[in-house]
Amino acid sequence: MLKLGARRVSVYRQIVDMRKSFNGLMCLVESELKQDCFSGDVFVFSGKRGNVVKLLYLDRTGFCLFMKRLEKGCFQVGHDGELEQVTHKQLELLLDGMSVYCVKLRA
């Protein structure tokens, strides 16, 4: 599993063109989300089909872009246009293909 060490994880719940790479996603973060790419936060994006997600984050040495594709099924992100903060545990569930919105985590 990824060890991100980020302060926050933000899921962008709108359809994103998965052909975008570093620069395109960074522009999206700054222009549409009004967030700072250099904050160390993790930004999660999903495409139209829902079987691919990309994570953009800044580590100590530069930007990283992580992409995961499910062979069967879809990531349960939702596309209502909201920006949602999730925990690192919820991100793990999301990357495993589970819905983070149906699962209740114990404290």
N, C-alpha and C. Protein backbone atom coordinates (compact mmCIF):
# COMPACT_ATOMS: atom_id res chain seq x y z
N MET A 1 0.84 -1.19 0.00
CA MET A 1 0.00 0.00 0.00
C MET A 1 0.88 1.24 0.00
N LEU A 2 0.35 2.32 -0.50
CA LEU A 2 1.08 3.58 -0.55
C LEU A 2 1.22 4.18 0.84
N LYS A 3 2.38 4.70 1.12
CA LYS A 3 2.60 5.46 2.35
C LYS A 3 2.70 6.92 1.94
N LEU A 4 1.62 7.66 2.10
CA LEU A 4 1.55 9.00 1.53
C LEU A 4 2.03 10.09 2.47
N GLY A 5 1.80 9.96 3.73
CA GLY A 5 2.27 10.97 4.67
C GLY A 5 1.70 12.35 4.42
N ALA A 6 0.58 12.44 3.76
CA ALA A 6 -0.02 13.74 3.46
C ALA A 6 -0.93 14.19 4.59
N ARG A 7 -1.17 15.47 4.61
CA ARG A 7 -2.07 16.00 5.63
C ARG A 7 -3.52 15.64 5.35
N ARG A 8 -3.96 15.79 4.12
CA ARG A 8 -5.36 15.53 3.78
C ARG A 8 -5.44 14.76 2.47
N VAL A 9 -6.56 14.08 2.29
CA VAL A 9 -6.86 13.39 1.03
C VAL A 9 -8.16 13.99 0.51
N SER A 10 -8.12 14.55 -0.70
CA SER A 10 -9.29 15.18 -1.31
C SER A 10 -9.70 14.40 -2.54
N VAL A 11 -10.97 13.97 -2.56
CA VAL A 11 -11.52 13.25 -3.71
C VAL A 11 -12.34 14.25 -4.52
N TYR A 12 -11.95 14.44 -5.78
CA TYR A 12 -12.68 15.31 -6.69
C TYR A 12 -13.77 14.48 -7.35
N ARG A 13 -15.01 14.77 -7.00
CA ARG A 13 -16.13 13.94 -7.43
C ARG A 13 -16.79 14.50 -8.69
N GLN A 14 -15.97 14.66 -9.70
CA GLN A 14 -16.46 15.09 -11.01
C GLN A 14 -15.65 14.32 -12.05
N ILE A 15 -16.25 14.06 -13.20
CA ILE A 15 -15.55 13.30 -14.24
C ILE A 15 -14.37 14.10 -14.76
N VAL A 16 -13.21 13.43 -14.82
CA VAL A 16 -11.97 14.05 -15.28
C VAL A 16 -11.45 13.26 -16.49
N ASP A 17 -10.90 13.95 -17.45
CA ASP A 17 -10.28 13.32 -18.60
C ASP A 17 -9.02 12.59 -18.12
N MET A 18 -9.03 11.27 -18.19
CA MET A 18 -7.92 10.48 -17.67
C MET A 18 -6.66 10.56 -18.52
N ARG A 19 -6.72 11.28 -19.64
CA ARG A 19 -5.52 11.51 -20.43
C ARG A 19 -4.64 12.59 -19.82
N LYS A 20 -5.21 13.34 -18.86
CA LYS A 20 -4.43 14.39 -18.19
C LYS A 20 -3.30 13.77 -17.38
N SER A 21 -2.18 14.47 -17.38
CA SER A 21 -1.04 14.02 -16.60
C SER A 21 -0.73 15.08 -15.54
N PHE A 22 0.53 15.19 -15.16
CA PHE A 22 0.92 16.09 -14.07
C PHE A 22 0.38 17.51 -14.27
N ASN A 23 0.76 18.14 -15.37
CA ASN A 23 0.42 19.55 -15.58
C ASN A 23 -1.08 19.78 -15.68
N GLY A 24 -1.79 18.91 -16.39
CA GLY A 24 -3.23 19.07 -16.52
C GLY A 24 -3.96 18.93 -15.20
N LEU A 25 -3.56 17.96 -14.40
CA LEU A 25 -4.21 17.77 -13.09
C LEU A 25 -3.83 18.88 -12.12
N MET A 26 -2.58 19.36 -12.20
CA MET A 26 -2.17 20.47 -11.34
C MET A 26 -2.98 21.72 -11.67
N CYS A 27 -3.21 21.99 -12.95
CA CYS A 27 -4.03 23.14 -13.35
C CYS A 27 -5.45 22.98 -12.84
N LEU A 28 -5.98 21.76 -12.90
CA LEU A 28 -7.33 21.49 -12.40
C LEU A 28 -7.42 21.76 -10.91
N VAL A 29 -6.43 21.32 -10.16
CA VAL A 29 -6.41 21.54 -8.71
C VAL A 29 -6.41 23.02 -8.39
N GLU A 30 -5.58 23.77 -9.08
CA GLU A 30 -5.46 25.20 -8.76
C GLU A 30 -6.61 26.03 -9.32
N SER A 31 -7.08 25.75 -10.53
CA SER A 31 -8.11 26.60 -11.14
C SER A 31 -9.52 26.25 -10.67
N GLU A 32 -9.88 24.97 -10.68
CA GLU A 32 -11.25 24.58 -10.33
C GLU A 32 -11.44 24.31 -8.84
N LEU A 33 -10.46 23.67 -8.23
CA LEU A 33 -10.60 23.33 -6.81
C LEU A 33 -10.14 24.43 -5.88
N LYS A 34 -9.39 25.40 -6.43
CA LYS A 34 -8.86 26.51 -5.63
C LYS A 34 -8.01 26.00 -4.46
N GLN A 35 -7.23 24.95 -4.74
CA GLN A 35 -6.34 24.37 -3.73
C GLN A 35 -4.90 24.57 -4.17
N ASP A 36 -3.98 24.41 -3.25
CA ASP A 36 -2.56 24.55 -3.53
C ASP A 36 -1.94 23.18 -3.78
N CYS A 37 -1.39 22.98 -4.96
CA CYS A 37 -0.75 21.70 -5.30
C CYS A 37 0.45 21.40 -4.41
N PHE A 38 1.09 22.45 -3.90
CA PHE A 38 2.31 22.30 -3.12
C PHE A 38 2.04 22.12 -1.62
N SER A 39 0.78 21.89 -1.26
CA SER A 39 0.41 21.76 0.15
C SER A 39 0.79 20.40 0.73
N GLY A 40 1.08 19.42 -0.12
CA GLY A 40 1.37 18.07 0.36
C GLY A 40 0.13 17.20 0.44
N ASP A 41 -1.03 17.75 0.09
CA ASP A 41 -2.27 16.98 0.10
C ASP A 41 -2.31 16.02 -1.08
N VAL A 42 -3.13 15.00 -0.96
CA VAL A 42 -3.34 14.03 -2.03
C VAL A 42 -4.66 14.37 -2.71
N PHE A 43 -4.65 14.42 -4.04
CA PHE A 43 -5.85 14.71 -4.80
C PHE A 43 -6.18 13.49 -5.65
N VAL A 44 -7.45 13.03 -5.52
CA VAL A 44 -7.90 11.81 -6.19
C VAL A 44 -8.89 12.19 -7.29
N PHE A 45 -8.66 11.64 -8.49
CA PHE A 45 -9.50 11.93 -9.65
C PHE A 45 -9.98 10.63 -10.26
N SER A 46 -11.19 10.65 -10.84
CA SER A 46 -11.69 9.46 -11.54
C SER A 46 -12.25 9.87 -12.90
N GLY A 47 -12.33 8.88 -13.79
CA GLY A 47 -12.78 9.13 -15.15
C GLY A 47 -14.22 8.76 -15.37
N LYS A 48 -14.63 8.85 -16.62
CA LYS A 48 -16.02 8.62 -17.01
C LYS A 48 -16.46 7.18 -16.76
N ARG A 49 -15.61 6.22 -17.10
CA ARG A 49 -15.96 4.81 -16.93
C ARG A 49 -15.95 4.38 -15.47
N GLY A 50 -15.15 5.05 -14.66
CA GLY A 50 -15.10 4.74 -13.23
C GLY A 50 -14.16 3.61 -12.86
N ASN A 51 -13.47 3.03 -13.84
CA ASN A 51 -12.58 1.93 -13.51
C ASN A 51 -11.13 2.38 -13.30
N VAL A 52 -10.87 3.69 -13.43
CA VAL A 52 -9.52 4.23 -13.26
C VAL A 52 -9.57 5.40 -12.28
N VAL A 53 -8.60 5.44 -11.37
CA VAL A 53 -8.40 6.62 -10.53
C VAL A 53 -6.93 7.03 -10.62
N LYS A 54 -6.71 8.33 -10.44
CA LYS A 54 -5.35 8.86 -10.39
C LYS A 54 -5.20 9.65 -9.11
N LEU A 55 -4.04 9.52 -8.47
CA LEU A 55 -3.71 10.27 -7.27
C LEU A 55 -2.53 11.17 -7.61
N LEU A 56 -2.68 12.45 -7.31
CA LEU A 56 -1.61 13.42 -7.51
C LEU A 56 -1.19 13.93 -6.15
N TYR A 57 0.11 13.88 -5.87
CA TYR A 57 0.60 14.39 -4.60
C TYR A 57 2.06 14.79 -4.72
N LEU A 58 2.49 15.60 -3.78
CA LEU A 58 3.86 16.09 -3.74
C LEU A 58 4.57 15.40 -2.59
N ASP A 59 5.68 14.73 -2.91
CA ASP A 59 6.48 14.17 -1.83
C ASP A 59 7.71 15.07 -1.64
N ARG A 60 8.71 14.59 -0.96
CA ARG A 60 9.88 15.43 -0.64
C ARG A 60 10.66 15.89 -1.87
N THR A 61 10.61 15.11 -2.95
CA THR A 61 11.47 15.41 -4.10
C THR A 61 10.74 15.87 -5.34
N GLY A 62 9.43 15.78 -5.38
CA GLY A 62 8.68 16.22 -6.56
C GLY A 62 7.28 15.64 -6.58
N PHE A 63 6.57 15.92 -7.66
CA PHE A 63 5.20 15.43 -7.80
C PHE A 63 5.17 13.97 -8.20
N CYS A 64 4.18 13.26 -7.68
CA CYS A 64 3.96 11.85 -8.00
C CYS A 64 2.55 11.70 -8.57
N LEU A 65 2.43 10.82 -9.53
CA LEU A 65 1.13 10.52 -10.11
C LEU A 65 0.96 9.01 -10.06
N PHE A 66 -0.01 8.57 -9.28
CA PHE A 66 -0.31 7.15 -9.11
C PHE A 66 -1.61 6.87 -9.84
N MET A 67 -1.63 5.82 -10.65
CA MET A 67 -2.83 5.44 -11.38
C MET A 67 -3.16 3.99 -11.09
N LYS A 68 -4.45 3.73 -10.87
CA LYS A 68 -4.89 2.35 -10.66
C LYS A 68 -6.12 2.08 -11.51
N ARG A 69 -6.12 0.92 -12.16
CA ARG A 69 -7.26 0.50 -12.98
C ARG A 69 -7.78 -0.82 -12.44
N LEU A 70 -9.09 -0.87 -12.22
CA LEU A 70 -9.72 -2.13 -11.82
C LEU A 70 -10.02 -2.95 -13.05
N GLU A 71 -9.72 -4.23 -13.00
CA GLU A 71 -10.01 -5.11 -14.13
C GLU A 71 -11.51 -5.41 -14.23
N LYS A 72 -12.17 -5.48 -13.07
CA LYS A 72 -13.62 -5.69 -13.04
C LYS A 72 -14.22 -4.69 -12.07
N GLY A 73 -15.37 -4.14 -12.41
CA GLY A 73 -16.06 -3.22 -11.52
C GLY A 73 -15.58 -1.79 -11.67
N CYS A 74 -16.07 -0.95 -10.78
CA CYS A 74 -15.78 0.49 -10.81
C CYS A 74 -15.42 0.98 -9.42
N PHE A 75 -14.65 2.05 -9.39
CA PHE A 75 -14.39 2.73 -8.13
C PHE A 75 -15.65 3.48 -7.72
N GLN A 76 -15.96 3.43 -6.44
CA GLN A 76 -17.18 4.06 -5.94
C GLN A 76 -16.88 5.49 -5.49
N VAL A 77 -16.70 6.37 -6.47
CA VAL A 77 -16.35 7.76 -6.17
C VAL A 77 -17.58 8.64 -6.20
N GLY A 78 -18.46 8.44 -7.16
CA GLY A 78 -19.62 9.32 -7.35
C GLY A 78 -19.19 10.54 -8.14
N HIS A 79 -20.10 11.12 -8.87
CA HIS A 79 -19.76 12.27 -9.71
C HIS A 79 -20.78 13.39 -9.51
N ASP A 80 -20.86 13.89 -8.31
CA ASP A 80 -21.81 14.97 -8.03
C ASP A 80 -21.15 16.35 -8.02
N GLY A 81 -19.88 16.42 -8.41
CA GLY A 81 -19.20 17.70 -8.51
C GLY A 81 -18.63 18.24 -7.22
N GLU A 82 -18.76 17.50 -6.15
CA GLU A 82 -18.27 17.96 -4.86
C GLU A 82 -16.79 17.60 -4.67
N LEU A 83 -16.13 18.33 -3.81
CA LEU A 83 -14.79 17.98 -3.35
C LEU A 83 -14.95 17.45 -1.94
N GLU A 84 -14.50 16.24 -1.71
CA GLU A 84 -14.73 15.61 -0.41
C GLU A 84 -13.41 15.21 0.23
N GLN A 85 -13.30 15.46 1.52
CA GLN A 85 -12.14 15.04 2.29
C GLN A 85 -12.41 13.65 2.84
N VAL A 86 -11.45 12.74 2.65
CA VAL A 86 -11.58 11.40 3.20
C VAL A 86 -10.33 11.09 4.02
N THR A 87 -10.43 10.08 4.86
CA THR A 87 -9.29 9.67 5.68
C THR A 87 -8.38 8.75 4.86
N HIS A 88 -7.21 8.48 5.40
CA HIS A 88 -6.28 7.56 4.73
C HIS A 88 -6.86 6.15 4.67
N LYS A 89 -7.58 5.75 5.70
CA LYS A 89 -8.21 4.43 5.71
C LYS A 89 -9.29 4.35 4.63
N GLN A 90 -10.07 5.41 4.48
CA GLN A 90 -11.09 5.44 3.43
C GLN A 90 -10.45 5.40 2.04
N LEU A 91 -9.30 6.03 1.89
CA LEU A 91 -8.59 5.98 0.62
C LEU A 91 -8.14 4.55 0.32
N GLU A 92 -7.66 3.84 1.33
CA GLU A 92 -7.29 2.43 1.15
C GLU A 92 -8.48 1.61 0.68
N LEU A 93 -9.65 1.83 1.30
CA LEU A 93 -10.85 1.11 0.90
C LEU A 93 -11.23 1.45 -0.54
N LEU A 94 -11.14 2.72 -0.88
CA LEU A 94 -11.46 3.16 -2.23
C LEU A 94 -10.56 2.49 -3.26
N LEU A 95 -9.26 2.45 -2.97
CA LEU A 95 -8.30 1.83 -3.89
C LEU A 95 -8.47 0.32 -3.98
N ASP A 96 -9.11 -0.28 -2.98
CA ASP A 96 -9.42 -1.71 -3.02
C ASP A 96 -10.73 -1.99 -3.75
N GLY A 97 -11.39 -0.92 -4.25
CA GLY A 97 -12.62 -1.07 -4.99
C GLY A 97 -13.87 -1.07 -4.15
N MET A 98 -13.75 -0.73 -2.88
CA MET A 98 -14.91 -0.70 -1.99
C MET A 98 -15.50 0.70 -1.93
N SER A 99 -16.76 0.79 -1.54
CA SER A 99 -17.41 2.08 -1.39
C SER A 99 -17.08 2.66 -0.02
N VAL A 100 -16.53 3.85 0.00
CA VAL A 100 -16.22 4.49 1.28
C VAL A 100 -17.45 5.14 1.89
N TYR A 101 -18.53 5.20 1.13
CA TYR A 101 -19.73 5.89 1.59
C TYR A 101 -20.70 4.95 2.29
N CYS A 102 -20.52 3.65 2.14
CA CYS A 102 -21.38 2.67 2.81
C CYS A 102 -20.73 2.11 4.07
N VAL A 103 -19.43 2.26 4.18
CA VAL A 103 -18.69 1.67 5.29
C VAL A 103 -18.63 2.66 6.45
N LYS A 104 -18.94 2.19 7.62
CA LYS A 104 -18.83 2.99 8.84
C LYS A 104 -17.58 2.54 9.58
N LEU A 105 -16.63 3.45 9.75
CA LEU A 105 -15.39 3.10 10.43
C LEU A 105 -15.55 3.29 11.93
N ARG A 106 -15.02 2.35 12.70
CA ARG A 106 -15.03 2.48 14.15
C ARG A 106 -13.92 3.41 14.58
N ALA A 107 -14.16 4.12 15.63
CA ALA A 107 -13.15 5.07 16.12
C ALA A 107 -12.03 4.37 16.82
